Amino acid sequence: MHIASLEEERPSQIEDVMEEVPQLQHRKSMRIWKPNPKYANVTLIEDNGVKELSTYEEATQFKEWVEAMVEEHLKALKQNET
């Protein structure tokens, strides 16, 4: 009988304790915001209307692309000693 009377008192005791616990409030951080150094070298590039070429045929129409491809090809041949 004594256990039954304790069980009947428990819910009200829990409610009393919960009322005594202060409610947590979120507060704004006062920390000074610093950018992440991991992204320090990231540069935003403006889209100035330059179209990215998608095929080899398109690239061969531009002198700059042909020169870059030849240079890259020669560099690869030298690195592979072929």
PDB file of N, CA and C in Angstrom:
ATOM      1  N   MET A   1       0.805  -1.193   0.000  1.00  0.00           N
ATOM      2  CA  MET A   1       0.000   0.000   0.000  1.00  0.00           C
ATOM      3  C   MET A   1       0.856   1.269   0.000  1.00  0.00           C
ATOM      4  N   HIS A   2       1.954   1.163   0.611  1.00  0.00           N
ATOM      5  CA  HIS A   2       2.826   2.327   0.671  1.00  0.00           C
ATOM      6  C   HIS A   2       3.366   2.675  -0.718  1.00  0.00           C
ATOM      7  N   ILE A   3       3.679   1.657  -1.561  1.00  0.00           N
ATOM      8  CA  ILE A   3       4.181   1.877  -2.924  1.00  0.00           C
ATOM      9  C   ILE A   3       3.106   2.527  -3.777  1.00  0.00           C
ATOM     10  N   ALA A   4       1.891   2.109  -3.646  1.00  0.00           N
ATOM     11  CA  ALA A   4       0.805   2.694  -4.425  1.00  0.00           C
ATOM     12  C   ALA A   4       0.650   4.171  -4.103  1.00  0.00           C
ATOM     13  N   SER A   5       0.800   4.548  -2.874  1.00  0.00           N
ATOM     14  CA  SER A   5       0.651   5.959  -2.524  1.00  0.00           C
ATOM     15  C   SER A   5       1.805   6.781  -3.092  1.00  0.00           C
ATOM     16  N   LEU A   6       3.022   6.192  -3.218  1.00  0.00           N
ATOM     17  CA  LEU A   6       4.148   6.904  -3.829  1.00  0.00           C
ATOM     18  C   LEU A   6       3.911   7.116  -5.315  1.00  0.00           C
ATOM     19  N   GLU A   7       3.380   6.096  -5.986  1.00  0.00           N
ATOM     20  CA  GLU A   7       3.114   6.216  -7.412  1.00  0.00           C
ATOM     21  C   GLU A   7       2.059   7.278  -7.689  1.00  0.00           C
ATOM     22  N   GLU A   8       1.131   7.422  -6.801  1.00  0.00           N
ATOM     23  CA  GLU A   8       0.101   8.446  -6.989  1.00  0.00           C
ATOM     24  C   GLU A   8       0.683   9.836  -6.814  1.00  0.00           C
ATOM     25  N   GLU A   9       1.713   9.979  -5.991  1.00  0.00           N
ATOM     26  CA  GLU A   9       2.304  11.284  -5.739  1.00  0.00           C
ATOM     27  C   GLU A   9       3.318  11.676  -6.815  1.00  0.00           C
ATOM     28  N   ARG A  10       3.896  10.732  -7.512  1.00  0.00           N
ATOM     29  CA  ARG A  10       4.957  11.015  -8.484  1.00  0.00           C
ATOM     30  C   ARG A  10       4.565  12.026  -9.558  1.00  0.00           C
ATOM     31  N   PRO A  11       3.469  11.864 -10.264  1.00  0.00           N
ATOM     32  CA  PRO A  11       3.173  12.834 -11.332  1.00  0.00           C
ATOM     33  C   PRO A  11       3.132  14.267 -10.836  1.00  0.00           C
ATOM     34  N   SER A  12       2.555  14.507  -9.711  1.00  0.00           N
ATOM     35  CA  SER A  12       2.487  15.884  -9.219  1.00  0.00           C
ATOM     36  C   SER A  12       3.869  16.373  -8.812  1.00  0.00           C
ATOM     37  N   GLN A  13       4.719  15.485  -8.294  1.00  0.00           N
ATOM     38  CA  GLN A  13       6.071  15.894  -7.927  1.00  0.00           C
ATOM     39  C   GLN A  13       6.875  16.256  -9.172  1.00  0.00           C
ATOM     40  N   ILE A  14       6.716  15.489 -10.217  1.00  0.00           N
ATOM     41  CA  ILE A  14       7.418  15.784 -11.468  1.00  0.00           C
ATOM     42  C   ILE A  14       6.964  17.123 -12.014  1.00  0.00           C
ATOM     43  N   GLU A  15       5.677  17.378 -11.987  1.00  0.00           N
ATOM     44  CA  GLU A  15       5.160  18.662 -12.473  1.00  0.00           C
ATOM     45  C   GLU A  15       5.698  19.809 -11.643  1.00  0.00           C
ATOM     46  N   ASP A  16       5.810  19.614 -10.323  1.00  0.00           N
ATOM     47  CA  ASP A  16       6.347  20.669  -9.462  1.00  0.00           C
ATOM     48  C   ASP A  16       7.806  20.954  -9.799  1.00  0.00           C
ATOM     49  N   VAL A  17       8.568  19.894 -10.034  1.00  0.00           N
ATOM     50  CA  VAL A  17       9.981  20.073 -10.364  1.00  0.00           C
ATOM     51  C   VAL A  17      10.115  20.760 -11.717  1.00  0.00           C
ATOM     52  N   MET A  18       9.304  20.367 -12.683  1.00  0.00           N
ATOM     53  CA  MET A  18       9.368  20.978 -14.011  1.00  0.00           C
ATOM     54  C   MET A  18       9.034  22.453 -13.971  1.00  0.00           C
ATOM     55  N   GLU A  19       8.159  22.843 -13.099  1.00  0.00           N
ATOM     56  CA  GLU A  19       7.812  24.258 -12.968  1.00  0.00           C
ATOM     57  C   GLU A  19       8.970  25.046 -12.386  1.00  0.00           C
ATOM     58  N   GLU A  20       9.795  24.398 -11.569  1.00  0.00           N
ATOM     59  CA  GLU A  20      10.913  25.076 -10.946  1.00  0.00           C
ATOM     60  C   GLU A  20      12.101  25.229 -11.893  1.00  0.00           C
ATOM     61  N   VAL A  21      12.189  24.388 -12.926  1.00  0.00           N
ATOM     62  CA  VAL A  21      13.310  24.463 -13.870  1.00  0.00           C
ATOM     63  C   VAL A  21      13.133  25.711 -14.726  1.00  0.00           C
ATOM     64  N   PRO A  22      14.160  26.560 -14.774  1.00  0.00           N
ATOM     65  CA  PRO A  22      14.022  27.776 -15.583  1.00  0.00           C
ATOM     66  C   PRO A  22      13.950  27.421 -17.073  1.00  0.00           C
ATOM     67  N   GLN A  23      13.143  28.149 -17.792  1.00  0.00           N
ATOM     68  CA  GLN A  23      13.011  27.919 -19.229  1.00  0.00           C
ATOM     69  C   GLN A  23      14.233  28.482 -19.938  1.00  0.00           C
ATOM     70  N   LEU A  24      14.819  27.677 -20.810  1.00  0.00           N
ATOM     71  CA  LEU A  24      15.998  28.106 -21.547  1.00  0.00           C
ATOM     72  C   LEU A  24      15.580  29.027 -22.680  1.00  0.00           C
ATOM     73  N   GLN A  25      16.327  30.098 -22.836  1.00  0.00           N
ATOM     74  CA  GLN A  25      16.048  31.036 -23.918  1.00  0.00           C
ATOM     75  C   GLN A  25      17.264  31.066 -24.838  1.00  0.00           C
ATOM     76  N   HIS A  26      17.002  31.105 -26.119  1.00  0.00           N
ATOM     77  CA  HIS A  26      18.088  31.207 -27.080  1.00  0.00           C
ATOM     78  C   HIS A  26      18.565  32.640 -27.101  1.00  0.00           C
ATOM     79  N   ARG A  27      19.868  32.784 -27.147  1.00  0.00           N
ATOM     80  CA  ARG A  27      20.395  34.135 -27.222  1.00  0.00           C
ATOM     81  C   ARG A  27      21.324  34.247 -28.410  1.00  0.00           C
ATOM     82  N   LYS A  28      21.439  35.412 -28.960  1.00  0.00           N
ATOM     83  CA  LYS A  28      22.269  35.640 -30.129  1.00  0.00           C
ATOM     84  C   LYS A  28      23.729  35.653 -29.700  1.00  0.00           C
ATOM     85  N   SER A  29      24.558  35.013 -30.487  1.00  0.00           N
ATOM     86  CA  SER A  29      25.983  34.965 -30.196  1.00  0.00           C
ATOM     87  C   SER A  29      26.587  36.356 -30.343  1.00  0.00           C
ATOM     88  N   MET A  30      27.467  36.695 -29.433  1.00  0.00           N
ATOM     89  CA  MET A  30      28.160  37.988 -29.489  1.00  0.00           C
ATOM     90  C   MET A  30      29.545  37.828 -30.127  1.00  0.00           C
ATOM     91  N   ARG A  31      29.820  36.643 -30.642  1.00  0.00           N
ATOM     92  CA  ARG A  31      31.103  36.337 -31.246  1.00  0.00           C
ATOM     93  C   ARG A  31      31.257  37.092 -32.557  1.00  0.00           C
ATOM     94  N   ILE A  32      32.473  37.535 -32.841  1.00  0.00           N
ATOM     95  CA  ILE A  32      32.750  38.219 -34.107  1.00  0.00           C
ATOM     96  C   ILE A  32      32.877  37.163 -35.196  1.00  0.00           C
ATOM     97  N   TRP A  33      32.140  37.336 -36.282  1.00  0.00           N
ATOM     98  CA  TRP A  33      32.126  36.365 -37.366  1.00  0.00           C
ATOM     99  C   TRP A  33      33.391  36.517 -38.187  1.00  0.00           C
ATOM    100  N   LYS A  34      34.079  35.396 -38.429  1.00  0.00           N
ATOM    101  CA  LYS A  34      35.276  35.376 -39.262  1.00  0.00           C
ATOM    102  C   LYS A  34      35.056  34.361 -40.370  1.00  0.00           C
ATOM    103  N   PRO A  35      35.497  34.662 -41.586  1.00  0.00           N
ATOM    104  CA  PRO A  35      35.347  33.695 -42.664  1.00  0.00           C
ATOM    105  C   PRO A  35      36.217  32.468 -42.410  1.00  0.00           C
ATOM    106  N   ASN A  36      35.790  31.350 -42.891  1.00  0.00           N
ATOM    107  CA  ASN A  36      36.527  30.103 -42.729  1.00  0.00           C
ATOM    108  C   ASN A  36      37.784  30.162 -43.584  1.00  0.00           C
ATOM    109  N   PRO A  37      38.980  29.985 -42.973  1.00  0.00           N
ATOM    110  CA  PRO A  37      40.217  30.068 -43.760  1.00  0.00           C
ATOM    111  C   PRO A  37      40.319  28.976 -44.822  1.00  0.00           C
ATOM    112  N   LYS A  38      39.547  27.917 -44.667  1.00  0.00           N
ATOM    113  CA  LYS A  38      39.546  26.845 -45.663  1.00  0.00           C
ATOM    114  C   LYS A  38      39.127  27.371 -47.036  1.00  0.00           C
ATOM    115  N   TYR A  39      38.278  28.389 -47.034  1.00  0.00           N
ATOM    116  CA  TYR A  39      37.760  28.937 -48.282  1.00  0.00           C
ATOM    117  C   TYR A  39      38.385  30.288 -48.615  1.00  0.00           C
ATOM    118  N   ALA A  40      39.546  30.598 -48.049  1.00  0.00           N
ATOM    119  CA  ALA A  40      40.166  31.905 -48.242  1.00  0.00           C
ATOM    120  C   ALA A  40      40.605  32.128 -49.688  1.00  0.00           C
ATOM    121  N   ASN A  41      40.967  31.070 -50.393  1.00  0.00           N
ATOM    122  CA  ASN A  41      41.463  31.224 -51.758  1.00  0.00           C
ATOM    123  C   ASN A  41      40.376  31.094 -52.813  1.00  0.00           C
ATOM    124  N   VAL A  42      39.143  31.017 -52.397  1.00  0.00           N
ATOM    125  CA  VAL A  42      38.039  30.900 -53.341  1.00  0.00           C
ATOM    126  C   VAL A  42      37.768  32.269 -53.961  1.00  0.00           C
ATOM    127  N   THR A  43      37.629  32.280 -55.244  1.00  0.00           N
ATOM    128  CA  THR A  43      37.350  33.521 -55.959  1.00  0.00           C
ATOM    129  C   THR A  43      36.048  33.358 -56.722  1.00  0.00           C
ATOM    130  N   LEU A  44      35.208  34.358 -56.619  1.00  0.00           N
ATOM    131  CA  LEU A  44      33.969  34.354 -57.377  1.00  0.00           C
ATOM    132  C   LEU A  44      34.262  34.931 -58.757  1.00  0.00           C
ATOM    133  N   ILE A  45      33.832  34.236 -59.770  1.00  0.00           N
ATOM    134  CA  ILE A  45      34.078  34.671 -61.135  1.00  0.00           C
ATOM    135  C   ILE A  45      32.769  35.131 -61.745  1.00  0.00           C
ATOM    136  N   GLU A  46      32.815  36.308 -62.311  1.00  0.00           N
ATOM    137  CA  GLU A  46      31.613  36.835 -62.952  1.00  0.00           C
ATOM    138  C   GLU A  46      31.414  36.153 -64.299  1.00  0.00           C
ATOM    139  N   ASP A  47      30.167  35.922 -64.636  1.00  0.00           N
ATOM    140  CA  ASP A  47      29.838  35.361 -65.935  1.00  0.00           C
ATOM    141  C   ASP A  47      29.810  36.508 -66.932  1.00  0.00           C
ATOM    142  N   ASN A  48      30.834  36.573 -67.770  1.00  0.00           N
ATOM    143  CA  ASN A  48      30.913  37.669 -68.735  1.00  0.00           C
ATOM    144  C   ASN A  48      30.459  37.248 -70.126  1.00  0.00           C
ATOM    145  N   GLY A  49      29.644  36.218 -70.160  1.00  0.00           N
ATOM    146  CA  GLY A  49      29.088  35.780 -71.436  1.00  0.00           C
ATOM    147  C   GLY A  49      29.953  34.797 -72.190  1.00  0.00           C
ATOM    148  N   VAL A  50      31.085  34.382 -71.619  1.00  0.00           N
ATOM    149  CA  VAL A  50      31.944  33.408 -72.283  1.00  0.00           C
ATOM    150  C   VAL A  50      31.296  32.038 -72.176  1.00  0.00           C
ATOM    151  N   LYS A  51      31.147  31.397 -73.326  1.00  0.00           N
ATOM    152  CA  LYS A  51      30.504  30.085 -73.363  1.00  0.00           C
ATOM    153  C   LYS A  51      31.549  28.994 -73.221  1.00  0.00           C
ATOM    154  N   GLU A  52      31.294  28.050 -72.333  1.00  0.00           N
ATOM    155  CA  GLU A  52      32.178  26.897 -72.175  1.00  0.00           C
ATOM    156  C   GLU A  52      31.951  25.967 -73.365  1.00  0.00           C
ATOM    157  N   LEU A  53      33.040  25.606 -74.009  1.00  0.00           N
ATOM    158  CA  LEU A  53      32.939  24.744 -75.177  1.00  0.00           C
ATOM    159  C   LEU A  53      32.657  23.323 -74.727  1.00  0.00           C
ATOM    160  N   SER A  54      31.815  22.621 -75.490  1.00  0.00           N
ATOM    161  CA  SER A  54      31.428  21.279 -75.081  1.00  0.00           C
ATOM    162  C   SER A  54      31.954  20.180 -76.007  1.00  0.00           C
ATOM    163  N   THR A  55      32.427  20.546 -77.195  1.00  0.00           N
ATOM    164  CA  THR A  55      32.922  19.514 -78.108  1.00  0.00           C
ATOM    165  C   THR A  55      34.295  19.905 -78.663  1.00  0.00           C
ATOM    166  N   TYR A  56      35.000  18.910 -79.151  1.00  0.00           N
ATOM    167  CA  TYR A  56      36.301  19.133 -79.767  1.00  0.00           C
ATOM    168  C   TYR A  56      36.166  20.005 -81.021  1.00  0.00           C
ATOM    169  N   GLU A  57      35.119  19.782 -81.785  1.00  0.00           N
ATOM    170  CA  GLU A  57      34.905  20.553 -83.012  1.00  0.00           C
ATOM    171  C   GLU A  57      34.761  22.047 -82.706  1.00  0.00           C
ATOM    172  N   GLU A  58      34.060  22.368 -81.637  1.00  0.00           N
ATOM    173  CA  GLU A  58      33.917  23.773 -81.248  1.00  0.00           C
ATOM    174  C   GLU A  58      35.271  24.352 -80.848  1.00  0.00           C
ATOM    175  N   ALA A  59      36.060  23.572 -80.103  1.00  0.00           N
ATOM    176  CA  ALA A  59      37.351  24.051 -79.608  1.00  0.00           C
ATOM    177  C   ALA A  59      38.331  24.303 -80.750  1.00  0.00           C
ATOM    178  N   THR A  60      38.275  23.485 -81.790  1.00  0.00           N
ATOM    179  CA  THR A  60      39.224  23.648 -82.903  1.00  0.00           C
ATOM    180  C   THR A  60      38.949  24.902 -83.731  1.00  0.00           C
ATOM    181  N   GLN A  61      37.853  25.554 -83.501  1.00  0.00           N
ATOM    182  CA  GLN A  61      37.534  26.787 -84.225  1.00  0.00           C
ATOM    183  C   GLN A  61      38.190  28.012 -83.602  1.00  0.00           C
ATOM    184  N   PHE A  62      38.802  27.852 -82.422  1.00  0.00           N
ATOM    185  CA  PHE A  62      39.413  28.982 -81.736  1.00  0.00           C
ATOM    186  C   PHE A  62      40.920  28.751 -81.595  1.00  0.00           C
ATOM    187  N   LYS A  63      41.700  29.716 -82.074  1.00  0.00           N
ATOM    188  CA  LYS A  63      43.152  29.619 -82.073  1.00  0.00           C
ATOM    189  C   LYS A  63      43.700  29.377 -80.653  1.00  0.00           C
ATOM    190  N   GLU A  64      43.148  30.067 -79.670  1.00  0.00           N
ATOM    191  CA  GLU A  64      43.628  29.957 -78.288  1.00  0.00           C
ATOM    192  C   GLU A  64      43.452  28.531 -77.744  1.00  0.00           C
ATOM    193  N   TRP A  65      42.324  27.930 -78.074  1.00  0.00           N
ATOM    194  CA  TRP A  65      42.058  26.566 -77.605  1.00  0.00           C
ATOM    195  C   TRP A  65      42.988  25.568 -78.279  1.00  0.00           C
ATOM    196  N   VAL A  66      43.249  25.747 -79.573  1.00  0.00           N
ATOM    197  CA  VAL A  66      44.139  24.839 -80.297  1.00  0.00           C
ATOM    198  C   VAL A  66      45.541  24.921 -79.697  1.00  0.00           C
ATOM    199  N   GLU A  67      46.021  26.143 -79.436  1.00  0.00           N
ATOM    200  CA  GLU A  67      47.347  26.323 -78.845  1.00  0.00           C
ATOM    201  C   GLU A  67      47.414  25.669 -77.457  1.00  0.00           C
ATOM    202  N   ALA A  68      46.382  25.826 -76.668  1.00  0.00           N
ATOM    203  CA  ALA A  68      46.354  25.229 -75.329  1.00  0.00           C
ATOM    204  C   ALA A  68      46.343  23.706 -75.405  1.00  0.00           C
ATOM    205  N   MET A  69      45.598  23.159 -76.355  1.00  0.00           N
ATOM    206  CA  MET A  69      45.543  21.702 -76.497  1.00  0.00           C
ATOM    207  C   MET A  69      46.895  21.141 -76.937  1.00  0.00           C
ATOM    208  N   VAL A  70      47.569  21.821 -77.883  1.00  0.00           N
ATOM    209  CA  VAL A  70      48.889  21.376 -78.358  1.00  0.00           C
ATOM    210  C   VAL A  70      49.886  21.437 -77.204  1.00  0.00           C
ATOM    211  N   GLU A  71      49.865  22.527 -76.457  1.00  0.00           N
ATOM    212  CA  GLU A  71      50.779  22.680 -75.318  1.00  0.00           C
ATOM    213  C   GLU A  71      50.540  21.580 -74.277  1.00  0.00           C
ATOM    214  N   GLU A  72      49.286  21.298 -73.973  1.00  0.00           N
ATOM    215  CA  GLU A  72      48.960  20.248 -73.008  1.00  0.00           C
ATOM    216  C   GLU A  72      49.399  18.876 -73.520  1.00  0.00           C
ATOM    217  N   HIS A  73      49.201  18.650 -74.808  1.00  0.00           N
ATOM    218  CA  HIS A  73      49.584  17.373 -75.412  1.00  0.00           C
ATOM    219  C   HIS A  73      51.107  17.192 -75.364  1.00  0.00           C
ATOM    220  N   LEU A  74      51.856  18.228 -75.721  1.00  0.00           N
ATOM    221  CA  LEU A  74      53.327  18.155 -75.697  1.00  0.00           C
ATOM    222  C   LEU A  74      53.828  17.958 -74.268  1.00  0.00           C
ATOM    223  N   LYS A  75      53.205  18.631 -73.320  1.00  0.00           N
ATOM    224  CA  LYS A  75      53.607  18.484 -71.916  1.00  0.00           C
ATOM    225  C   LYS A  75      53.404  17.036 -71.454  1.00  0.00           C
ATOM    226  N   ALA A  76      52.282  16.446 -71.837  1.00  0.00           N
ATOM    227  CA  ALA A  76      51.998  15.058 -71.456  1.00  0.00           C
ATOM    228  C   ALA A  76      53.008  14.108 -72.088  1.00  0.00           C
ATOM    229  N   LEU A  77      53.393  14.362 -73.353  1.00  0.00           N
ATOM    230  CA  LEU A  77      54.376  13.510 -74.022  1.00  0.00           C
ATOM    231  C   LEU A  77      55.728  13.579 -73.310  1.00  0.00           C
ATOM    232  N   LYS A  78      56.131  14.795 -72.895  1.00  0.00           N
ATOM    233  CA  LYS A  78      57.403  14.950 -72.191  1.00  0.00           C
ATOM    234  C   LYS A  78      57.360  14.265 -70.821  1.00  0.00           C
ATOM    235  N   GLN A  79      56.251  14.407 -70.111  1.00  0.00           N
ATOM    236  CA  GLN A  79      56.138  13.785 -68.784  1.00  0.00           C
ATOM    237  C   GLN A  79      56.184  12.270 -68.884  1.00  0.00           C
ATOM    238  N   ASN A  80      55.582  11.725 -69.918  1.00  0.00           N
ATOM    239  CA  ASN A  80      55.550  10.267 -70.105  1.00  0.00           C
ATOM    240  C   ASN A  80      56.789   9.743 -70.821  1.00  0.00           C
ATOM    241  N   GLU A  81      57.693  10.682 -71.216  1.00  0.00           N
ATOM    242  CA  GLU A  81      58.909  10.347 -71.955  1.00  0.00           C
ATOM    243  C   GLU A  81      58.612   9.481 -73.188  1.00  0.00           C
ATOM    244  N   THR A  82      57.629   9.937 -73.960  1.00  0.00           N
ATOM    245  CA  THR A  82      57.270   9.207 -75.182  1.00  0.00           C
ATOM    246  C   THR A  82      57.594  10.035 -76.401  1.00  0.00           C
TER     247      THR A  82
END
